[in-house]
N, C-alpha and C. Protein backbone atom coordinates (compact mmCIF):
# COMPACT_ATOMS: atom_id res chain seq x y z
N UNK A 1 0.84 -1.18 0.00
CA UNK A 1 0.00 0.00 0.00
C UNK A 1 0.88 1.24 0.00
N UNK A 2 0.56 2.19 -0.85
CA UNK A 2 1.33 3.43 -0.92
C UNK A 2 0.77 4.43 0.07
N UNK A 3 1.64 5.33 0.54
CA UNK A 3 1.25 6.35 1.49
C UNK A 3 1.57 7.71 0.90
N UNK A 4 0.75 8.69 1.22
CA UNK A 4 0.87 10.01 0.63
C UNK A 4 1.34 11.02 1.66
N UNK A 5 2.25 11.88 1.26
CA UNK A 5 2.69 12.99 2.10
C UNK A 5 2.58 14.23 1.25
N UNK A 6 1.99 15.28 1.80
CA UNK A 6 1.76 16.51 1.05
C UNK A 6 2.20 17.70 1.89
N UNK A 7 2.92 18.62 1.30
CA UNK A 7 3.34 19.84 1.98
C UNK A 7 2.98 20.99 1.07
N UNK A 8 2.25 21.98 1.57
CA UNK A 8 1.85 23.08 0.71
C UNK A 8 1.91 24.44 1.37
N UNK A 9 3.00 25.20 1.22
CA UNK A 9 3.01 26.57 1.70
C UNK A 9 2.15 27.42 0.78
N UNK A 10 1.56 28.48 1.31
CA UNK A 10 0.65 29.31 0.53
C UNK A 10 1.42 30.35 -0.26
N UNK A 11 2.06 29.92 -1.26
CA UNK A 11 2.76 30.78 -2.19
C UNK A 11 2.90 30.01 -3.49
N UNK A 12 3.39 30.66 -4.50
CA UNK A 12 3.49 29.98 -5.78
C UNK A 12 4.77 30.36 -6.48
N UNK A 13 5.42 29.40 -7.04
CA UNK A 13 6.54 29.64 -7.94
C UNK A 13 6.63 28.44 -8.85
N UNK A 14 7.64 28.35 -9.65
CA UNK A 14 7.74 27.30 -10.66
C UNK A 14 8.00 25.94 -10.04
N UNK A 15 6.98 25.30 -9.49
CA UNK A 15 7.17 24.02 -8.83
C UNK A 15 7.51 22.91 -9.80
N UNK A 16 7.18 23.08 -11.06
CA UNK A 16 7.47 22.02 -12.01
C UNK A 16 8.96 21.84 -12.21
N UNK A 17 9.77 22.78 -11.72
CA UNK A 17 11.22 22.66 -11.80
C UNK A 17 11.75 21.70 -10.74
N UNK A 18 11.05 21.53 -9.65
CA UNK A 18 11.35 20.58 -8.58
C UNK A 18 12.84 20.33 -8.38
N UNK A 19 13.53 21.33 -7.86
CA UNK A 19 14.96 21.20 -7.58
C UNK A 19 15.24 21.72 -6.19
N UNK A 20 16.35 21.33 -5.64
CA UNK A 20 16.82 21.85 -4.36
C UNK A 20 18.26 22.30 -4.57
N UNK A 21 18.78 23.08 -3.63
CA UNK A 21 20.13 23.60 -3.78
C UNK A 21 21.16 22.49 -3.94
N UNK A 22 20.98 21.39 -3.23
CA UNK A 22 21.94 20.29 -3.29
C UNK A 22 21.44 19.10 -4.11
N UNK A 23 20.25 19.23 -4.71
CA UNK A 23 19.69 18.12 -5.50
C UNK A 23 19.17 18.66 -6.83
N UNK A 24 19.66 18.13 -7.90
CA UNK A 24 19.14 18.51 -9.21
C UNK A 24 17.80 17.81 -9.44
N UNK A 25 17.10 18.25 -10.46
CA UNK A 25 15.84 17.61 -10.81
C UNK A 25 16.09 16.13 -11.12
N UNK A 26 17.14 15.85 -11.88
CA UNK A 26 17.47 14.46 -12.23
C UNK A 26 17.73 13.62 -10.98
N UNK A 27 18.48 14.17 -10.03
CA UNK A 27 18.78 13.42 -8.80
C UNK A 27 17.50 13.11 -8.03
N UNK A 28 16.61 14.09 -7.94
CA UNK A 28 15.34 13.88 -7.23
C UNK A 28 14.55 12.77 -7.91
N UNK A 29 14.45 12.84 -9.23
CA UNK A 29 13.73 11.80 -9.98
C UNK A 29 14.35 10.44 -9.73
N UNK A 30 15.67 10.35 -9.77
CA UNK A 30 16.35 9.06 -9.56
C UNK A 30 16.12 8.53 -8.14
N UNK A 31 16.17 9.42 -7.13
CA UNK A 31 15.95 8.98 -5.75
C UNK A 31 14.53 8.47 -5.56
N UNK A 32 13.56 9.15 -6.17
CA UNK A 32 12.17 8.71 -6.06
C UNK A 32 11.99 7.37 -6.79
N UNK A 33 12.57 7.25 -7.98
CA UNK A 33 12.48 5.98 -8.73
C UNK A 33 13.12 4.84 -7.96
N UNK A 34 14.22 5.11 -7.27
CA UNK A 34 14.95 4.06 -6.54
C UNK A 34 14.11 3.44 -5.43
N UNK A 35 13.17 4.19 -4.87
CA UNK A 35 12.32 3.64 -3.81
C UNK A 35 10.94 3.26 -4.35
N UNK A 36 10.79 3.31 -5.68
CA UNK A 36 9.51 2.93 -6.28
C UNK A 36 8.42 3.93 -6.03
N UNK A 37 8.80 5.18 -5.86
CA UNK A 37 7.84 6.22 -5.53
C UNK A 37 7.40 7.04 -6.72
N UNK A 38 6.61 8.05 -6.41
CA UNK A 38 6.09 8.97 -7.40
C UNK A 38 6.01 10.34 -6.75
N UNK A 39 6.32 11.38 -7.50
CA UNK A 39 6.22 12.74 -6.97
C UNK A 39 5.47 13.60 -7.96
N UNK A 40 4.59 14.45 -7.45
CA UNK A 40 3.89 15.42 -8.29
C UNK A 40 4.02 16.78 -7.65
N UNK A 41 3.94 17.81 -8.46
CA UNK A 41 3.98 19.18 -7.97
C UNK A 41 2.85 19.94 -8.63
N UNK A 42 2.23 20.83 -7.87
CA UNK A 42 1.15 21.64 -8.43
C UNK A 42 1.25 23.05 -7.87
N UNK A 43 0.70 23.99 -8.60
CA UNK A 43 0.75 25.38 -8.16
C UNK A 43 -0.48 26.12 -8.63
N UNK A 44 -0.88 27.09 -7.84
CA UNK A 44 -1.93 28.02 -8.22
C UNK A 44 -1.50 29.39 -7.72
N UNK A 45 -2.35 30.36 -7.87
CA UNK A 45 -2.00 31.72 -7.47
C UNK A 45 -1.66 31.82 -5.99
N UNK A 46 -2.36 31.09 -5.14
CA UNK A 46 -2.20 31.22 -3.70
C UNK A 46 -1.43 30.10 -3.02
N UNK A 47 -1.14 29.02 -3.69
CA UNK A 47 -0.45 27.93 -3.01
C UNK A 47 0.33 27.07 -3.99
N UNK A 48 1.26 26.34 -3.45
CA UNK A 48 1.97 25.34 -4.22
C UNK A 48 2.01 24.08 -3.38
N UNK A 49 2.13 22.95 -4.03
CA UNK A 49 2.15 21.71 -3.27
C UNK A 49 2.97 20.64 -3.94
N UNK A 50 3.59 19.82 -3.13
CA UNK A 50 4.31 18.64 -3.59
C UNK A 50 3.63 17.44 -2.97
N UNK A 51 3.47 16.37 -3.72
CA UNK A 51 2.93 15.13 -3.19
C UNK A 51 3.88 14.00 -3.55
N UNK A 52 4.30 13.24 -2.54
CA UNK A 52 5.18 12.09 -2.72
C UNK A 52 4.40 10.85 -2.35
N UNK A 53 4.47 9.82 -3.18
CA UNK A 53 3.85 8.53 -2.90
C UNK A 53 4.93 7.46 -2.90
N UNK A 54 4.94 6.62 -1.87
CA UNK A 54 5.89 5.50 -1.80
C UNK A 54 5.44 4.54 -0.71
N UNK A 55 6.13 3.43 -0.59
CA UNK A 55 5.83 2.46 0.45
C UNK A 55 6.17 3.05 1.82
N UNK A 56 5.46 2.59 2.84
CA UNK A 56 5.64 3.11 4.20
C UNK A 56 7.09 2.98 4.68
N UNK A 57 7.78 1.98 4.23
CA UNK A 57 9.18 1.76 4.62
C UNK A 57 10.04 2.98 4.31
N UNK A 58 9.66 3.74 3.29
CA UNK A 58 10.48 4.86 2.83
C UNK A 58 9.99 6.23 3.31
N UNK A 59 9.12 6.26 4.32
CA UNK A 59 8.61 7.54 4.82
C UNK A 59 9.74 8.49 5.24
N UNK A 60 10.75 8.06 6.00
CA UNK A 60 11.81 9.01 6.37
C UNK A 60 12.51 9.63 5.15
N UNK A 61 12.79 8.84 4.13
CA UNK A 61 13.43 9.36 2.93
C UNK A 61 12.50 10.33 2.19
N UNK A 62 11.22 9.98 2.12
CA UNK A 62 10.24 10.84 1.44
C UNK A 62 10.12 12.18 2.14
N UNK A 63 9.97 12.15 3.47
CA UNK A 63 9.82 13.39 4.23
C UNK A 63 11.06 14.26 4.09
N UNK A 64 12.24 13.65 4.22
CA UNK A 64 13.49 14.43 4.11
C UNK A 64 13.61 15.07 2.73
N UNK A 65 13.32 14.33 1.68
CA UNK A 65 13.43 14.86 0.32
C UNK A 65 12.40 15.96 0.08
N UNK A 66 11.18 15.75 0.55
CA UNK A 66 10.11 16.72 0.41
C UNK A 66 10.47 18.03 1.10
N UNK A 67 10.90 17.92 2.34
CA UNK A 67 11.24 19.12 3.11
C UNK A 67 12.46 19.81 2.51
N UNK A 68 13.42 19.05 2.00
CA UNK A 68 14.58 19.65 1.35
C UNK A 68 14.16 20.47 0.13
N UNK A 69 13.24 19.96 -0.67
CA UNK A 69 12.78 20.69 -1.86
C UNK A 69 12.05 21.98 -1.48
N UNK A 70 11.33 21.95 -0.37
CA UNK A 70 10.58 23.14 0.05
C UNK A 70 11.48 24.12 0.81
N UNK A 71 12.33 23.61 1.68
CA UNK A 71 13.19 24.48 2.50
C UNK A 71 14.39 25.03 1.76
N UNK A 72 14.93 24.30 0.81
CA UNK A 72 16.16 24.69 0.11
C UNK A 72 15.98 24.68 -1.40
N UNK A 73 14.96 25.37 -1.90
CA UNK A 73 14.73 25.33 -3.34
C UNK A 73 15.83 26.06 -4.09
N UNK A 74 16.06 25.66 -5.32
CA UNK A 74 17.04 26.32 -6.18
C UNK A 74 16.32 27.47 -6.89
N UNK A 75 16.23 28.61 -6.21
CA UNK A 75 15.53 29.76 -6.77
C UNK A 75 16.35 30.45 -7.85
N UNK A 76 15.65 31.03 -8.80
CA UNK A 76 16.28 31.95 -9.72
C UNK A 76 16.41 33.28 -8.99
N UNK A 77 17.29 34.17 -9.45
CA UNK A 77 17.52 35.44 -8.76
C UNK A 77 16.23 36.22 -8.50
N UNK A 78 15.36 36.29 -9.48
CA UNK A 78 14.15 37.09 -9.35
C UNK A 78 13.10 36.43 -8.46
N UNK A 79 13.31 35.20 -8.03
CA UNK A 79 12.36 34.51 -7.17
C UNK A 79 12.72 34.57 -5.69
N UNK A 80 13.85 35.17 -5.34
CA UNK A 80 14.34 35.16 -3.96
C UNK A 80 13.32 35.73 -2.98
N UNK A 81 12.62 36.79 -3.33
CA UNK A 81 11.66 37.41 -2.40
C UNK A 81 10.54 36.46 -2.02
N UNK A 82 10.20 35.50 -2.87
CA UNK A 82 9.14 34.55 -2.54
C UNK A 82 9.48 33.71 -1.31
N UNK A 83 10.76 33.48 -1.06
CA UNK A 83 11.17 32.60 0.03
C UNK A 83 10.80 33.17 1.39
N UNK A 84 10.65 34.49 1.53
CA UNK A 84 10.33 35.08 2.83
C UNK A 84 8.94 34.67 3.31
N UNK A 85 8.11 34.15 2.44
CA UNK A 85 6.77 33.72 2.83
C UNK A 85 6.74 32.31 3.39
N UNK A 86 7.86 31.62 3.38
CA UNK A 86 7.92 30.26 3.90
C UNK A 86 8.11 30.30 5.41
N UNK A 87 7.04 30.56 6.12
CA UNK A 87 7.08 30.60 7.58
C UNK A 87 6.17 29.50 8.12
N UNK A 88 6.42 29.09 9.34
CA UNK A 88 5.67 27.98 9.93
C UNK A 88 4.15 28.15 9.85
N UNK A 89 3.59 29.34 10.17
CA UNK A 89 2.13 29.45 10.12
C UNK A 89 1.53 29.28 8.72
N UNK A 90 2.35 29.37 7.70
CA UNK A 90 1.84 29.28 6.33
C UNK A 90 2.10 27.91 5.70
N UNK A 91 2.56 26.94 6.46
CA UNK A 91 2.90 25.64 5.90
C UNK A 91 2.07 24.54 6.55
N UNK A 92 1.81 23.50 5.77
CA UNK A 92 1.07 22.34 6.26
C UNK A 92 1.82 21.09 5.81
N UNK A 93 2.06 20.18 6.72
CA UNK A 93 2.61 18.87 6.40
C UNK A 93 1.54 17.86 6.77
N UNK A 94 1.06 17.12 5.79
CA UNK A 94 0.00 16.14 6.02
C UNK A 94 0.44 14.80 5.45
N UNK A 95 0.03 13.73 6.09
CA UNK A 95 0.40 12.39 5.62
C UNK A 95 -0.75 11.43 5.89
N UNK A 96 -0.83 10.40 5.06
CA UNK A 96 -1.81 9.34 5.30
C UNK A 96 -1.07 8.02 5.38
N UNK A 97 -1.59 7.11 6.20
CA UNK A 97 -1.00 5.79 6.32
C UNK A 97 0.19 5.73 7.25
N UNK A 98 0.39 6.75 8.06
CA UNK A 98 1.51 6.77 9.01
C UNK A 98 0.98 7.38 10.31
N UNK A 99 1.45 6.88 11.43
CA UNK A 99 1.04 7.42 12.72
C UNK A 99 1.54 8.85 12.87
N UNK A 100 0.73 9.68 13.48
CA UNK A 100 1.06 11.09 13.66
C UNK A 100 2.39 11.27 14.41
N UNK A 101 2.57 10.54 15.48
CA UNK A 101 3.79 10.66 16.28
C UNK A 101 5.03 10.27 15.48
N UNK A 102 4.90 9.26 14.63
CA UNK A 102 6.02 8.83 13.80
C UNK A 102 6.40 9.93 12.80
N UNK A 103 5.38 10.56 12.20
CA UNK A 103 5.63 11.66 11.27
C UNK A 103 6.29 12.84 11.98
N UNK A 104 5.82 13.17 13.18
CA UNK A 104 6.43 14.26 13.95
C UNK A 104 7.89 13.97 14.27
N UNK A 105 8.18 12.73 14.63
CA UNK A 105 9.55 12.34 14.96
C UNK A 105 10.49 12.55 13.77
N UNK A 106 9.98 12.32 12.58
CA UNK A 106 10.79 12.49 11.37
C UNK A 106 10.88 13.97 10.97
N UNK A 107 9.75 14.66 10.99
CA UNK A 107 9.68 16.02 10.42
C UNK A 107 10.16 17.13 11.35
N UNK A 108 9.91 17.02 12.65
CA UNK A 108 10.26 18.13 13.55
C UNK A 108 11.73 18.55 13.48
N UNK A 109 12.69 17.63 13.48
CA UNK A 109 14.08 18.08 13.37
C UNK A 109 14.38 18.82 12.06
N UNK A 110 13.66 18.48 11.01
CA UNK A 110 13.89 19.11 9.71
C UNK A 110 13.22 20.47 9.59
N UNK A 111 12.22 20.73 10.43
CA UNK A 111 11.45 21.98 10.34
C UNK A 111 11.60 22.88 11.56
N UNK A 112 12.37 22.48 12.55
CA UNK A 112 12.42 23.20 13.82
C UNK A 112 12.95 24.62 13.71
N UNK A 113 13.75 24.93 12.71
CA UNK A 113 14.32 26.27 12.61
C UNK A 113 13.52 27.21 11.70
N UNK A 114 12.33 26.80 11.27
CA UNK A 114 11.50 27.69 10.45
C UNK A 114 11.07 28.89 11.28
N UNK A 115 11.08 30.09 10.70
CA UNK A 115 10.58 31.24 11.44
C UNK A 115 9.09 31.05 11.76
N UNK A 116 8.69 31.43 12.96
CA UNK A 116 7.29 31.24 13.33
C UNK A 116 6.44 32.43 12.93
N UNK A 117 7.04 33.55 12.63
CA UNK A 117 6.30 34.73 12.22
C UNK A 117 6.79 35.19 10.86
N UNK A 118 5.88 35.72 10.04
CA UNK A 118 6.33 36.26 8.76
C UNK A 118 7.19 37.50 8.98
N UNK A 119 7.96 37.84 7.97
CA UNK A 119 8.77 39.05 8.05
C UNK A 119 7.87 40.26 8.27
N UNK A 120 8.36 41.28 8.98
CA UNK A 120 7.53 42.46 9.23
C UNK A 120 7.10 43.11 7.91
N UNK A 121 5.89 43.59 7.92
CA UNK A 121 5.36 44.25 6.74
C UNK A 121 5.90 45.68 6.64
N UNK A 122 5.98 46.18 5.43
CA UNK A 122 6.38 47.56 5.25
C UNK A 122 5.27 48.45 5.79
N UNK A 123 5.62 49.65 6.30
CA UNK A 123 4.58 50.54 6.82
C UNK A 123 3.61 50.94 5.70
N UNK A 124 2.36 51.14 6.09
CA UNK A 124 1.36 51.53 5.10
C UNK A 124 1.68 52.90 4.54
N UNK A 125 1.36 53.10 3.28
CA UNK A 125 1.61 54.40 2.66
C UNK A 125 0.59 55.41 3.17
N UNK A 126 1.00 56.67 3.17
CA UNK A 126 0.13 57.76 3.63
C UNK A 126 -0.41 58.47 2.40
N UNK A 127 -1.71 58.71 2.38
CA UNK A 127 -2.34 59.38 1.26
C UNK A 127 -1.94 60.85 1.27
N UNK A 128 -1.46 61.34 0.14
CA UNK A 128 -1.07 62.75 0.04
C UNK A 128 -2.10 63.50 -0.79
N UNK A 129 -2.33 63.10 -1.99
CA UNK A 129 -3.37 63.65 -2.85
C UNK A 129 -3.51 62.74 -4.05
N UNK A 130 -4.55 62.93 -4.80
CA UNK A 130 -4.72 62.07 -5.96
C UNK A 130 -5.88 62.51 -6.81
N UNK A 131 -6.17 61.72 -7.80
CA UNK A 131 -7.28 61.99 -8.71
C UNK A 131 -8.38 60.97 -8.45
N UNK A 132 -9.59 61.38 -8.74
CA UNK A 132 -10.71 60.46 -8.63
C UNK A 132 -11.21 60.17 -10.03
N UNK A 133 -11.29 58.91 -10.38
CA UNK A 133 -11.79 58.51 -11.69
C UNK A 133 -13.06 57.70 -11.49
N UNK A 134 -14.05 58.02 -12.28
CA UNK A 134 -15.33 57.32 -12.16
C UNK A 134 -15.76 56.84 -13.54
N UNK A 135 -16.08 55.58 -13.66
CA UNK A 135 -16.55 55.01 -14.92
C UNK A 135 -18.05 55.18 -14.99
N UNK A 136 -18.53 55.79 -16.07
CA UNK A 136 -19.97 55.97 -16.25
C UNK A 136 -20.36 55.44 -17.63
N UNK A 137 -21.61 55.12 -17.77
CA UNK A 137 -22.12 54.60 -19.04
C UNK A 137 -22.81 55.71 -19.83
N UNK A 138 -22.12 56.80 -20.13
CA UNK A 138 -22.77 57.93 -20.79
C UNK A 138 -22.18 58.25 -22.16
N UNK A 139 -21.51 57.33 -22.78
CA UNK A 139 -20.97 57.58 -24.11
C UNK A 139 -19.65 58.32 -24.05
N UNK A 140 -19.13 58.70 -25.23
CA UNK A 140 -17.83 59.36 -25.26
C UNK A 140 -17.89 60.75 -24.63
N UNK A 141 -16.80 61.20 -24.05
CA UNK A 141 -16.80 62.53 -23.43
C UNK A 141 -16.82 63.62 -24.51
N UNK A 142 -17.39 64.74 -24.16
CA UNK A 142 -17.42 65.89 -25.06
C UNK A 142 -16.88 67.08 -24.30
N UNK A 143 -16.14 67.92 -25.00
CA UNK A 143 -15.60 69.12 -24.37
C UNK A 143 -15.66 70.25 -25.39
N UNK A 144 -15.80 71.43 -24.92
CA UNK A 144 -15.83 72.59 -25.80
C UNK A 144 -15.05 73.73 -25.19
N UNK A 145 -14.48 74.58 -26.05
CA UNK A 145 -13.72 75.72 -25.58
C UNK A 145 -14.06 76.88 -26.50
N UNK A 146 -14.40 77.97 -25.94
CA UNK A 146 -14.70 79.13 -26.77
C UNK A 146 -13.98 80.34 -26.20
N UNK A 147 -13.72 81.30 -27.10
CA UNK A 147 -13.04 82.50 -26.68
C UNK A 147 -13.61 83.65 -27.50
N UNK A 148 -13.82 84.71 -26.83
CA UNK A 148 -14.36 85.86 -27.52
C UNK A 148 -13.25 86.58 -28.25
N UNK A 149 -13.50 86.92 -29.48
CA UNK A 149 -12.51 87.62 -30.28
C UNK A 149 -12.49 89.08 -29.94
N UNK A 150 -11.32 89.66 -29.84
CA UNK A 150 -11.20 91.09 -29.54
C UNK A 150 -11.05 91.90 -30.78
């Protein structure tokens, strides 16, 4: 029987690249194949997720590889700011077919140094002045200008 482990922080980036700083995509694929497993990645505007399937015997390897891909992704330069959203309150680790305590024993050492609070937000901007634009259904605008001749 295969068991599923899913981790999904609420952010999105190119998950189909599935790489880590110390693991290439090819290495990850080979490690998953070696244990007879399967890995999928999905992303939407608000979240990304990885799902690993393998035999229960390989849960420690699956969890370590999964957390490595999420904690140490091989970001492109322009993606670095996305990493600041990887905080404990925004992450979920879920598994089926494994006892909760066993999963905690494997995952806690790998996740214990995650920041528990998101980075401080920038101060809100102060309104100085601006324009008001209103969309109306009254056809094209018309304007006229006249000047009296001297």
